[in-house]
Amino acid sequence: MNPSTLDIPSLARFDGLALQVRRGMGDRPGERRFPGRAEPSGIEVESYRPYTPGDDLRHLDWMALGRLDALLVRRFTAEREVLFHLLLDVSASMDAPPEDAKLASARALALALGYIALGATDATRLALLTGTTAVATSPILRQRRSTLTVAEMLASAEVAGALQLGAALEDYAGRHPEAGAALVISDFMTEPAEIERGILALQARRFEVHLLHVIGASELDPASRFTRGMLVDVESGASRPLVLTASIAERYREVLALHLAAVEAVAERCRCRYARYVAGTDLAQFVSGTLAGIGLVRRR
């Protein structure tokens, strides 16, 4: 796939947006302000403390000395770079059925989020997950021009095999322990316990975790595209003939509702932001509407 198929020119519609985190993620200086992490230097004064020998005299508050006859040192609001880890599921289920275009939609979402992060002077790392690990991982990227690197890596992503999400996220957390925000983009076709296992592994390394659920239209309503034929599990290869009767369709909807509720319950229990994106629908509306609504995206 050519990176141009990811519609890079349309990314300009996301200008002025930034990704929002709940706390400071690392120690590299940046432009994101985090009250509550006062530092000895910066721009915005947050607090004061008594002077101790060795403090930088440039940060003494001479007005306080005149008013209070006390030597006080200004402390400033911490300004930190945030590292956003874009963790994209590239297992075989992300391309099934092909007409749902889940992988294409997930690629476009990852690219938009990378563009937003880099444009807000945050750092980004992209990883493609399948099996029990990341089969490809970018270096830490900075500056908006790195969007092309993200696009090229996404364009090269090919679906393959099954994803053991818990093991893959555990492995990633062990290999990349830099504190950051992990945006997991997946169809979450796995047991909720596996999702929770992966979240807890990331959180143990001080990651802030967000779940972005990409789901296909035919997964929501299989009767709209399928009535009878051979049902094939693209990851295991198992198959069986199926006639989608009204009763089977109703039972499917019940099982799907239970699964979606269980995934949401995991996110709530682990205090993760969670959003569901129907593949092929308006990406800009999802990013600036849905993701803004849950607090993941904000205006700069």
C-alpha atoms as a PDB file:
ATOM      1  CA  MET A   1       0.000   0.000   0.000  1.00  0.00           C
ATOM      2  CA  ASN A   2       1.212   3.481  -0.858  1.00  0.00           C
ATOM      3  CA  PRO A   3       1.186   5.956   2.077  1.00  0.00           C
ATOM      4  CA  SER A   4      -0.790   8.354  -0.104  1.00  0.00           C
ATOM      5  CA  THR A   5      -3.779   6.024   0.159  1.00  0.00           C
ATOM      6  CA  LEU A   6      -4.014   7.066   3.796  1.00  0.00           C
ATOM      7  CA  ASP A   7      -5.176  10.510   2.618  1.00  0.00           C
ATOM      8  CA  ILE A   8      -2.416  12.527   4.258  1.00  0.00           C
ATOM      9  CA  PRO A   9      -3.662  15.886   2.871  1.00  0.00           C
ATOM     10  CA  SER A  10      -6.941  15.501   4.771  1.00  0.00           C
ATOM     11  CA  LEU A  11      -5.074  15.447   8.079  1.00  0.00           C
ATOM     12  CA  ALA A  12      -5.115  19.257   8.091  1.00  0.00           C
ATOM     13  CA  ARG A  13      -8.677  19.044   9.408  1.00  0.00           C
ATOM     14  CA  PHE A  14      -7.176  17.935  12.723  1.00  0.00           C
ATOM     15  CA  ASP A  15      -5.012  21.047  13.103  1.00  0.00           C
ATOM     16  CA  GLY A  16      -5.543  22.763  16.435  1.00  0.00           C
ATOM     17  CA  LEU A  17      -6.268  19.526  18.298  1.00  0.00           C
ATOM     18  CA  ALA A  18      -4.176  17.826  20.973  1.00  0.00           C
ATOM     19  CA  LEU A  19      -4.384  14.542  22.841  1.00  0.00           C
ATOM     20  CA  GLN A  20      -5.244  14.897  26.499  1.00  0.00           C
ATOM     21  CA  VAL A  21      -3.703  12.903  29.348  1.00  0.00           C
ATOM     22  CA  ARG A  22      -4.517  12.940  33.022  1.00  0.00           C
ATOM     23  CA  ARG A  23      -0.983  13.439  34.321  1.00  0.00           C
ATOM     24  CA  GLY A  24       2.631  14.003  33.342  1.00  0.00           C
ATOM     25  CA  MET A  25       4.147  11.047  31.552  1.00  0.00           C
ATOM     26  CA  GLY A  26       7.896  11.550  31.576  1.00  0.00           C
ATOM     27  CA  ASP A  27      10.922  13.634  32.392  1.00  0.00           C
ATOM     28  CA  ARG A  28      11.814  15.074  28.986  1.00  0.00           C
ATOM     29  CA  PRO A  29      11.092  18.819  28.863  1.00  0.00           C
ATOM     30  CA  GLY A  30       8.264  19.807  26.569  1.00  0.00           C
ATOM     31  CA  GLU A  31       5.399  22.247  26.202  1.00  0.00           C
ATOM     32  CA  ARG A  32       2.643  20.359  28.046  1.00  0.00           C
ATOM     33  CA  ARG A  33       1.961  21.795  31.490  1.00  0.00           C
ATOM     34  CA  PHE A  34       1.240  19.533  34.444  1.00  0.00           C
ATOM     35  CA  PRO A  35       0.204  21.335  37.650  1.00  0.00           C
ATOM     36  CA  GLY A  36       1.207  19.476  40.762  1.00  0.00           C
ATOM     37  CA  ARG A  37       4.691  18.640  39.498  1.00  0.00           C
ATOM     38  CA  ALA A  38       6.448  21.843  40.483  1.00  0.00           C
ATOM     39  CA  GLU A  39       9.969  22.380  39.163  1.00  0.00           C
ATOM     40  CA  PRO A  40      12.803  24.811  39.881  1.00  0.00           C
ATOM     41  CA  SER A  41      12.500  26.466  36.470  1.00  0.00           C
ATOM     42  CA  GLY A  42       9.852  27.172  33.887  1.00  0.00           C
ATOM     43  CA  ILE A  43       7.380  29.850  32.842  1.00  0.00           C
ATOM     44  CA  GLU A  44       4.315  29.703  35.075  1.00  0.00           C
ATOM     45  CA  VAL A  45       4.829  30.083  38.848  1.00  0.00           C
ATOM     46  CA  GLU A  46       2.984  27.352  40.740  1.00  0.00           C
ATOM     47  CA  SER A  47       4.243  27.540  44.328  1.00  0.00           C
ATOM     48  CA  TYR A  48       6.924  28.804  46.686  1.00  0.00           C
ATOM     49  CA  ARG A  49       9.228  27.162  49.197  1.00  0.00           C
ATOM     50  CA  PRO A  50      11.821  28.441  51.657  1.00  0.00           C
ATOM     51  CA  TYR A  51      15.262  29.172  50.247  1.00  0.00           C
ATOM     52  CA  THR A  52      17.993  26.635  50.989  1.00  0.00           C
ATOM     53  CA  PRO A  53      21.707  27.123  50.243  1.00  0.00           C
ATOM     54  CA  GLY A  54      22.491  26.125  46.673  1.00  0.00           C
ATOM     55  CA  ASP A  55      19.151  27.279  45.203  1.00  0.00           C
ATOM     56  CA  ASP A  56      19.383  29.380  42.055  1.00  0.00           C
ATOM     57  CA  LEU A  57      19.290  33.014  43.182  1.00  0.00           C
ATOM     58  CA  ARG A  58      17.511  33.949  39.978  1.00  0.00           C
ATOM     59  CA  HIS A  59      14.396  32.255  41.327  1.00  0.00           C
ATOM     60  CA  LEU A  60      14.264  34.169  44.608  1.00  0.00           C
ATOM     61  CA  ASP A  61      11.081  36.222  44.990  1.00  0.00           C
ATOM     62  CA  TRP A  62      12.462  39.639  45.988  1.00  0.00           C
ATOM     63  CA  MET A  63       8.981  41.093  46.437  1.00  0.00           C
ATOM     64  CA  ALA A  64       8.235  38.413  49.021  1.00  0.00           C
ATOM     65  CA  LEU A  65      11.469  39.315  50.784  1.00  0.00           C
ATOM     66  CA  GLY A  66      10.349  42.931  51.013  1.00  0.00           C
ATOM     67  CA  ARG A  67       6.836  42.085  52.241  1.00  0.00           C
ATOM     68  CA  LEU A  68       7.497  39.085  54.475  1.00  0.00           C
ATOM     69  CA  ASP A  69      11.179  39.431  55.336  1.00  0.00           C
ATOM     70  CA  ALA A  70      11.589  35.815  54.161  1.00  0.00           C
ATOM     71  CA  LEU A  71      13.643  34.222  51.428  1.00  0.00           C
ATOM     72  CA  LEU A  72      11.278  32.286  49.175  1.00  0.00           C
ATOM     73  CA  VAL A  73      12.107  30.450  45.965  1.00  0.00           C
ATOM     74  CA  ARG A  74       9.635  30.322  43.111  1.00  0.00           C
ATOM     75  CA  ARG A  75       8.598  26.853  41.857  1.00  0.00           C
ATOM     76  CA  PHE A  76       7.183  26.527  38.380  1.00  0.00           C
ATOM     77  CA  THR A  77       4.549  24.359  36.754  1.00  0.00           C
ATOM     78  CA  ALA A  78       6.170  21.289  35.211  1.00  0.00           C
ATOM     79  CA  GLU A  79       6.383  21.339  31.431  1.00  0.00           C
ATOM     80  CA  ARG A  80       6.738  17.898  29.981  1.00  0.00           C
ATOM     81  CA  GLU A  81       6.602  16.062  26.709  1.00  0.00           C
ATOM     82  CA  VAL A  82       4.056  13.256  26.542  1.00  0.00           C
ATOM     83  CA  LEU A  83       4.973  10.039  24.751  1.00  0.00           C
ATOM     84  CA  PHE A  84       1.979   8.483  22.981  1.00  0.00           C
ATOM     85  CA  HIS A  85       2.314   4.798  22.120  1.00  0.00           C
ATOM     86  CA  LEU A  86      -0.015   3.859  19.232  1.00  0.00           C
ATOM     87  CA  LEU A  87      -0.510   0.102  19.553  1.00  0.00           C
ATOM     88  CA  LEU A  88      -2.301  -1.240  16.481  1.00  0.00           C
ATOM     89  CA  ASP A  89      -3.767  -4.742  16.237  1.00  0.00           C
ATOM     90  CA  VAL A  90      -2.810  -6.247  12.859  1.00  0.00           C
ATOM     91  CA  SER A  91      -4.139  -9.756  13.485  1.00  0.00           C
ATOM     92  CA  ALA A  92      -6.137 -11.510  10.761  1.00  0.00           C
ATOM     93  CA  SER A  93      -9.492 -10.612  12.303  1.00  0.00           C
ATOM     94  CA  MET A  94      -8.821  -6.945  11.539  1.00  0.00           C
ATOM     95  CA  ASP A  95      -9.347  -7.730   7.850  1.00  0.00           C
ATOM     96  CA  ALA A  96     -12.423  -9.920   8.214  1.00  0.00           C
ATOM     97  CA  PRO A  97     -14.710  -9.561   6.481  1.00  0.00           C
ATOM     98  CA  PRO A  98     -12.734  -7.459   3.960  1.00  0.00           C
ATOM     99  CA  GLU A  99     -15.746  -5.338   3.018  1.00  0.00           C
ATOM    100  CA  ASP A 100     -15.902  -3.956   6.561  1.00  0.00           C
ATOM    101  CA  ALA A 101     -12.494  -2.294   6.019  1.00  0.00           C
ATOM    102  CA  LYS A 102     -11.588  -2.479   9.706  1.00  0.00           C
ATOM    103  CA  LEU A 103      -7.846  -2.401   9.093  1.00  0.00           C
ATOM    104  CA  ALA A 104      -8.097   0.566   6.726  1.00  0.00           C
ATOM    105  CA  SER A 105     -10.175   2.445   9.283  1.00  0.00           C
ATOM    106  CA  ALA A 106      -7.796   1.509  12.099  1.00  0.00           C
ATOM    107  CA  ARG A 107      -4.837   2.720  10.009  1.00  0.00           C
ATOM    108  CA  ALA A 108      -6.573   6.026   9.327  1.00  0.00           C
ATOM    109  CA  LEU A 109      -7.386   6.444  13.019  1.00  0.00           C
ATOM    110  CA  ALA A 110      -3.799   5.699  14.085  1.00  0.00           C
ATOM    111  CA  LEU A 111      -2.457   8.159  11.522  1.00  0.00           C
ATOM    112  CA  ALA A 112      -4.839  10.892  12.679  1.00  0.00           C
ATOM    113  CA  LEU A 113      -3.849  10.364  16.321  1.00  0.00           C
ATOM    114  CA  GLY A 114      -0.146  10.386  15.442  1.00  0.00           C
ATOM    115  CA  TYR A 115      -0.606  13.579  13.435  1.00  0.00           C
ATOM    116  CA  ILE A 116      -2.419  15.253  16.333  1.00  0.00           C
ATOM    117  CA  ALA A 117       0.204  14.214  18.875  1.00  0.00           C
ATOM    118  CA  LEU A 118       3.159  15.279  16.727  1.00  0.00           C
ATOM    119  CA  GLY A 119       1.473  18.565  15.852  1.00  0.00           C
ATOM    120  CA  ALA A 120       1.086  19.341  19.545  1.00  0.00           C
ATOM    121  CA  THR A 121       4.856  18.787  20.060  1.00  0.00           C
ATOM    122  CA  ASP A 122       4.319  15.468  21.829  1.00  0.00           C
ATOM    123  CA  ALA A 123       6.251  12.321  20.923  1.00  0.00           C
ATOM    124  CA  THR A 124       4.830   9.220  19.248  1.00  0.00           C
ATOM    125  CA  ARG A 125       5.813   5.607  18.858  1.00  0.00           C
ATOM    126  CA  LEU A 126       3.861   3.200  16.621  1.00  0.00           C
ATOM    127  CA  ALA A 127       3.806  -0.550  17.171  1.00  0.00           C
ATOM    128  CA  LEU A 128       2.056  -3.255  15.137  1.00  0.00           C
ATOM    129  CA  LEU A 129       0.805  -6.125  17.282  1.00  0.00           C
ATOM    130  CA  THR A 130       0.160  -9.736  16.362  1.00  0.00           C
ATOM    131  CA  GLY A 131       0.892 -13.057  17.995  1.00  0.00           C
ATOM    132  CA  THR A 132       2.435 -12.349  21.385  1.00  0.00           C
ATOM    133  CA  THR A 133       4.545  -9.332  20.493  1.00  0.00           C
ATOM    134  CA  ALA A 134       4.975  -6.228  18.360  1.00  0.00           C
ATOM    135  CA  VAL A 135       6.121  -7.365  14.922  1.00  0.00           C
ATOM    136  CA  ALA A 136       7.241  -3.835  14.055  1.00  0.00           C
ATOM    137  CA  THR A 137       7.991  -0.847  16.260  1.00  0.00           C
ATOM    138  CA  SER A 138       9.025   2.648  15.229  1.00  0.00           C
ATOM    139  CA  PRO A 139      11.598   4.724  17.069  1.00  0.00           C
ATOM    140  CA  ILE A 140      10.261   7.574  19.170  1.00  0.00           C
ATOM    141  CA  LEU A 141       9.107  10.194  16.667  1.00  0.00           C
ATOM    142  CA  ARG A 142       8.978  13.950  17.172  1.00  0.00           C
ATOM    143  CA  GLN A 143       7.838  16.916  15.066  1.00  0.00           C
ATOM    144  CA  ARG A 144       4.973  16.930  12.594  1.00  0.00           C
ATOM    145  CA  ARG A 145       7.131  15.971   9.624  1.00  0.00           C
ATOM    146  CA  SER A 146       7.427  12.515  11.233  1.00  0.00           C
ATOM    147  CA  THR A 147       3.788  11.947  10.228  1.00  0.00           C
ATOM    148  CA  LEU A 148       5.104  10.555   6.942  1.00  0.00           C
ATOM    149  CA  THR A 149       7.106   7.930   8.849  1.00  0.00           C
ATOM    150  CA  VAL A 150       3.938   6.896  10.663  1.00  0.00           C
ATOM    151  CA  ALA A 151       2.057   6.744   7.341  1.00  0.00           C
ATOM    152  CA  GLU A 152       4.751   4.621   5.696  1.00  0.00           C
ATOM    153  CA  MET A 153       4.774   2.134   8.562  1.00  0.00           C
ATOM    154  CA  LEU A 154       0.986   1.920   8.600  1.00  0.00           C
ATOM    155  CA  ALA A 155       0.922   1.412   4.842  1.00  0.00           C
ATOM    156  CA  SER A 156       3.273  -1.555   5.217  1.00  0.00           C
ATOM    157  CA  ALA A 157       1.118  -3.203   7.888  1.00  0.00           C
ATOM    158  CA  GLU A 158      -0.272  -6.549   6.778  1.00  0.00           C
ATOM    159  CA  VAL A 159      -2.672  -8.678   8.759  1.00  0.00           C
ATOM    160  CA  ALA A 160      -1.443 -12.075   9.901  1.00  0.00           C
ATOM    161  CA  GLY A 161      -2.345 -14.716  12.464  1.00  0.00           C
ATOM    162  CA  ALA A 162      -4.023 -14.388  15.805  1.00  0.00           C
ATOM    163  CA  LEU A 163      -3.274 -11.792  18.473  1.00  0.00           C
ATOM    164  CA  GLN A 164      -2.839 -12.817  22.087  1.00  0.00           C
ATOM    165  CA  LEU A 165      -3.513  -9.320  23.327  1.00  0.00           C
ATOM    166  CA  GLY A 166      -2.601  -9.801  26.974  1.00  0.00           C
ATOM    167  CA  ALA A 167       0.750 -11.397  26.158  1.00  0.00           C
ATOM    168  CA  ALA A 168       1.529  -8.853  23.435  1.00  0.00           C
ATOM    169  CA  LEU A 169       0.865  -5.878  25.715  1.00  0.00           C
ATOM    170  CA  GLU A 170       2.857  -7.486  28.518  1.00  0.00           C
ATOM    171  CA  ASP A 171       5.756  -7.968  26.125  1.00  0.00           C
ATOM    172  CA  TYR A 172       5.513  -4.391  24.877  1.00  0.00           C
ATOM    173  CA  ALA A 173       5.451  -2.975  28.406  1.00  0.00           C
ATOM    174  CA  GLY A 174       8.572  -4.968  29.246  1.00  0.00           C
ATOM    175  CA  ARG A 175      10.453  -3.845  26.143  1.00  0.00           C
ATOM    176  CA  HIS A 176       9.399  -0.177  26.255  1.00  0.00           C
ATOM    177  CA  PRO A 177       9.144   0.889  29.885  1.00  0.00           C
ATOM    178  CA  GLU A 178       9.146   4.620  29.146  1.00  0.00           C
ATOM    179  CA  ALA A 179       6.149   6.136  30.893  1.00  0.00           C
ATOM    180  CA  GLY A 180       3.552   7.245  28.375  1.00  0.00           C
ATOM    181  CA  ALA A 181      -0.002   6.996  27.173  1.00  0.00           C
ATOM    182  CA  ALA A 182      -0.902   3.770  25.363  1.00  0.00           C
ATOM    183  CA  LEU A 183      -3.661   3.998  22.754  1.00  0.00           C
ATOM    184  CA  VAL A 184      -4.657   0.418  21.966  1.00  0.00           C
ATOM    185  CA  ILE A 185      -6.477   0.222  18.607  1.00  0.00           C
ATOM    186  CA  SER A 186      -8.116  -3.166  18.093  1.00  0.00           C
ATOM    187  CA  ASP A 187     -11.323  -5.021  17.309  1.00  0.00           C
ATOM    188  CA  PHE A 188     -10.885  -6.661  20.747  1.00  0.00           C
ATOM    189  CA  MET A 189     -11.982 -10.059  19.434  1.00  0.00           C
ATOM    190  CA  THR A 190     -10.599 -11.772  22.487  1.00  0.00           C
ATOM    191  CA  GLU A 191     -11.642 -12.679  25.988  1.00  0.00           C
ATOM    192  CA  PRO A 192     -12.138  -9.618  28.228  1.00  0.00           C
ATOM    193  CA  ALA A 193      -9.753 -11.202  30.744  1.00  0.00           C
ATOM    194  CA  GLU A 194      -6.992 -11.013  28.113  1.00  0.00           C
ATOM    195  CA  ILE A 195      -7.699  -7.325  27.576  1.00  0.00           C
ATOM    196  CA  GLU A 196      -7.515  -6.693  31.312  1.00  0.00           C
ATOM    197  CA  ARG A 197      -4.276  -8.649  31.589  1.00  0.00           C
ATOM    198  CA  GLY A 198      -2.675  -6.390  28.987  1.00  0.00           C
ATOM    199  CA  ILE A 199      -4.004  -3.200  30.552  1.00  0.00           C
ATOM    200  CA  LEU A 200      -2.666  -4.142  33.977  1.00  0.00           C
ATOM    201  CA  ALA A 201       0.759  -4.951  32.499  1.00  0.00           C
ATOM    202  CA  LEU A 202       0.923  -1.492  30.923  1.00  0.00           C
ATOM    203  CA  GLN A 203      -0.367   0.237  34.047  1.00  0.00           C
ATOM    204  CA  ALA A 204       2.263  -1.535  36.138  1.00  0.00           C
ATOM    205  CA  ARG A 205       4.810   0.393  34.046  1.00  0.00           C
ATOM    206  CA  ARG A 206       2.912   3.662  34.685  1.00  0.00           C
ATOM    207  CA  PHE A 207       1.267   3.803  31.259  1.00  0.00           C
ATOM    208  CA  GLU A 208      -2.038   5.613  30.963  1.00  0.00           C
ATOM    209  CA  VAL A 209      -4.171   3.272  28.842  1.00  0.00           C
ATOM    210  CA  HIS A 210      -6.952   4.088  26.370  1.00  0.00           C
ATOM    211  CA  LEU A 211      -8.971   1.511  24.413  1.00  0.00           C
ATOM    212  CA  LEU A 212     -10.134   2.404  20.897  1.00  0.00           C
ATOM    213  CA  HIS A 213     -12.459  -0.292  19.643  1.00  0.00           C
ATOM    214  CA  VAL A 214     -12.774  -0.621  15.849  1.00  0.00           C
ATOM    215  CA  ILE A 215     -15.817  -2.683  14.887  1.00  0.00           C
ATOM    216  CA  GLY A 216     -17.219  -3.577  11.482  1.00  0.00           C
ATOM    217  CA  ALA A 217     -20.738  -2.875  10.257  1.00  0.00           C
ATOM    218  CA  SER A 218     -21.343  -6.551   9.512  1.00  0.00           C
ATOM    219  CA  GLU A 219     -20.195  -7.477  13.014  1.00  0.00           C
ATOM    220  CA  LEU A 220     -22.910  -5.237  14.387  1.00  0.00           C
ATOM    221  CA  ASP A 221     -25.518  -6.539  11.939  1.00  0.00           C
ATOM    222  CA  PRO A 222     -24.420  -9.677  10.068  1.00  0.00           C
ATOM    223  CA  ALA A 223     -27.857 -10.082   8.485  1.00  0.00           C
ATOM    224  CA  SER A 224     -27.202  -6.953   6.427  1.00  0.00           C
ATOM    225  CA  ARG A 225     -24.494  -8.771   4.431  1.00  0.00           C
ATOM    226  CA  PHE A 226     -24.870 -12.468   5.100  1.00  0.00           C
ATOM    227  CA  THR A 227     -27.739 -14.974   5.228  1.00  0.00           C
ATOM    228  CA  ARG A 228     -26.107 -18.311   4.441  1.00  0.00           C
ATOM    229  CA  GLY A 229     -22.724 -19.712   3.539  1.00  0.00           C
ATOM    230  CA  MET A 230     -19.518 -20.990   5.120  1.00  0.00           C
ATOM    231  CA  LEU A 231     -18.412 -19.341   8.353  1.00  0.00           C
ATOM    232  CA  VAL A 232     -14.602 -19.302   8.582  1.00  0.00           C
ATOM    233  CA  ASP A 233     -12.428 -18.248  11.512  1.00  0.00           C
ATOM    234  CA  VAL A 234      -9.611 -16.418   9.727  1.00  0.00           C
ATOM    235  CA  GLU A 235      -7.240 -16.888  12.666  1.00  0.00           C
ATOM    236  CA  SER A 236      -7.777 -20.569  13.480  1.00  0.00           C
ATOM    237  CA  GLY A 237      -8.946 -21.782  10.068  1.00  0.00           C
ATOM    238  CA  ALA A 238     -11.969 -23.528  11.583  1.00  0.00           C
ATOM    239  CA  SER A 239     -15.086 -23.446   9.418  1.00  0.00           C
ATOM    240  CA  ARG A 240     -18.698 -24.523   9.413  1.00  0.00           C
ATOM    241  CA  PRO A 241     -21.750 -23.977   7.231  1.00  0.00           C
ATOM    242  CA  LEU A 242     -24.277 -21.523   8.598  1.00  0.00           C
ATOM    243  CA  VAL A 243     -27.776 -20.377   7.782  1.00  0.00           C
ATOM    244  CA  LEU A 244     -28.489 -17.101   9.563  1.00  0.00           C
ATOM    245  CA  THR A 245     -32.036 -17.650  10.749  1.00  0.00           C
ATOM    246  CA  ALA A 246     -33.924 -15.064  12.784  1.00  0.00           C
ATOM    247  CA  SER A 247     -33.302 -16.970  16.008  1.00  0.00           C
ATOM    248  CA  ILE A 248     -29.564 -17.328  15.328  1.00  0.00           C
ATOM    249  CA  ALA A 249     -29.325 -13.629  14.464  1.00  0.00           C
ATOM    250  CA  GLU A 250     -31.074 -12.728  17.714  1.00  0.00           C
ATOM    251  CA  ARG A 251     -28.771 -14.981  19.711  1.00  0.00           C
ATOM    252  CA  TYR A 252     -25.758 -13.406  17.963  1.00  0.00           C
ATOM    253  CA  ARG A 253     -26.925  -9.925  18.947  1.00  0.00           C
ATOM    254  CA  GLU A 254     -27.277 -11.050  22.566  1.00  0.00           C
ATOM    255  CA  VAL A 255     -23.764 -12.528  22.633  1.00  0.00           C
ATOM    256  CA  LEU A 256     -22.300  -9.438  20.959  1.00  0.00           C
ATOM    257  CA  ALA A 257     -24.018  -7.122  23.450  1.00  0.00           C
ATOM    258  CA  LEU A 258     -22.609  -9.162  26.333  1.00  0.00           C
ATOM    259  CA  HIS A 259     -19.105  -9.016  24.857  1.00  0.00           C
ATOM    260  CA  LEU A 260     -19.229  -5.263  24.247  1.00  0.00           C
ATOM    261  CA  ALA A 261     -20.538  -4.685  27.757  1.00  0.00           C
ATOM    262  CA  ALA A 262     -17.733  -6.848  29.170  1.00  0.00           C
ATOM    263  CA  VAL A 263     -15.066  -4.878  27.275  1.00  0.00           C
ATOM    264  CA  GLU A 264     -16.533  -1.608  28.532  1.00  0.00           C
ATOM    265  CA  ALA A 265     -16.636  -3.021  32.067  1.00  0.00           C
ATOM    266  CA  VAL A 266     -12.923  -3.870  31.863  1.00  0.00           C
ATOM    267  CA  ALA A 267     -12.169  -0.311  30.742  1.00  0.00           C
ATOM    268  CA  GLU A 268     -14.225   1.132  33.578  1.00  0.00           C
ATOM    269  CA  ARG A 269     -12.702  -1.179  36.166  1.00  0.00           C
ATOM    270  CA  CYS A 270      -9.186  -0.296  35.016  1.00  0.00           C
ATOM    271  CA  ARG A 271     -10.058   3.401  34.699  1.00  0.00           C
ATOM    272  CA  CYS A 272      -9.290   3.530  30.982  1.00  0.00           C
ATOM    273  CA  ARG A 273     -10.970   5.752  28.462  1.00  0.00           C
ATOM    274  CA  TYR A 274     -12.933   3.660  25.962  1.00  0.00           C
ATOM    275  CA  ALA A 275     -14.521   4.552  22.630  1.00  0.00           C
ATOM    276  CA  ARG A 276     -16.040   2.490  19.821  1.00  0.00           C
ATOM    277  CA  TYR A 277     -15.495   3.415  16.180  1.00  0.00           C
ATOM    278  CA  VAL A 278     -17.574   1.791  13.459  1.00  0.00           C
ATOM    279  CA  ALA A 279     -15.244   1.170  10.517  1.00  0.00           C
ATOM    280  CA  GLY A 280     -15.973   3.297   7.491  1.00  0.00           C
ATOM    281  CA  THR A 281     -17.890   6.000   9.338  1.00  0.00           C
ATOM    282  CA  ASP A 282     -16.845   9.664   9.624  1.00  0.00           C
ATOM    283  CA  LEU A 283     -13.347   9.684  11.150  1.00  0.00           C
ATOM    284  CA  ALA A 284     -13.317  13.431  11.812  1.00  0.00           C
ATOM    285  CA  GLN A 285     -16.571  13.167  13.747  1.00  0.00           C
ATOM    286  CA  PHE A 286     -15.197  10.289  15.803  1.00  0.00           C
ATOM    287  CA  VAL A 287     -11.979  12.135  16.638  1.00  0.00           C
ATOM    288  CA  SER A 288     -13.319  15.637  17.282  1.00  0.00           C
ATOM    289  CA  GLY A 289     -16.685  14.457  18.616  1.00  0.00           C
ATOM    290  CA  THR A 290     -16.504  11.070  20.348  1.00  0.00           C
ATOM    291  CA  LEU A 291     -12.879  11.256  21.505  1.00  0.00           C
ATOM    292  CA  ALA A 292     -13.321  14.850  22.639  1.00  0.00           C
ATOM    293  CA  GLY A 293     -16.422  13.720  24.526  1.00  0.00           C
ATOM    294  CA  ILE A 294     -14.472  11.178  26.579  1.00  0.00           C
ATOM    295  CA  GLY A 295     -11.669  13.664  27.219  1.00  0.00           C
ATOM    296  CA  LEU A 296      -8.990  12.120  25.008  1.00  0.00           C
ATOM    297  CA  VAL A 297      -8.926  14.983  22.477  1.00  0.00           C
ATOM    298  CA  ARG A 298      -9.022  18.700  23.224  1.00  0.00           C
ATOM    299  CA  ARG A 299      -8.575  22.017  21.474  1.00  0.00           C
ATOM    300  CA  ARG A 300      -5.158  23.607  21.894  1.00  0.00           C
END
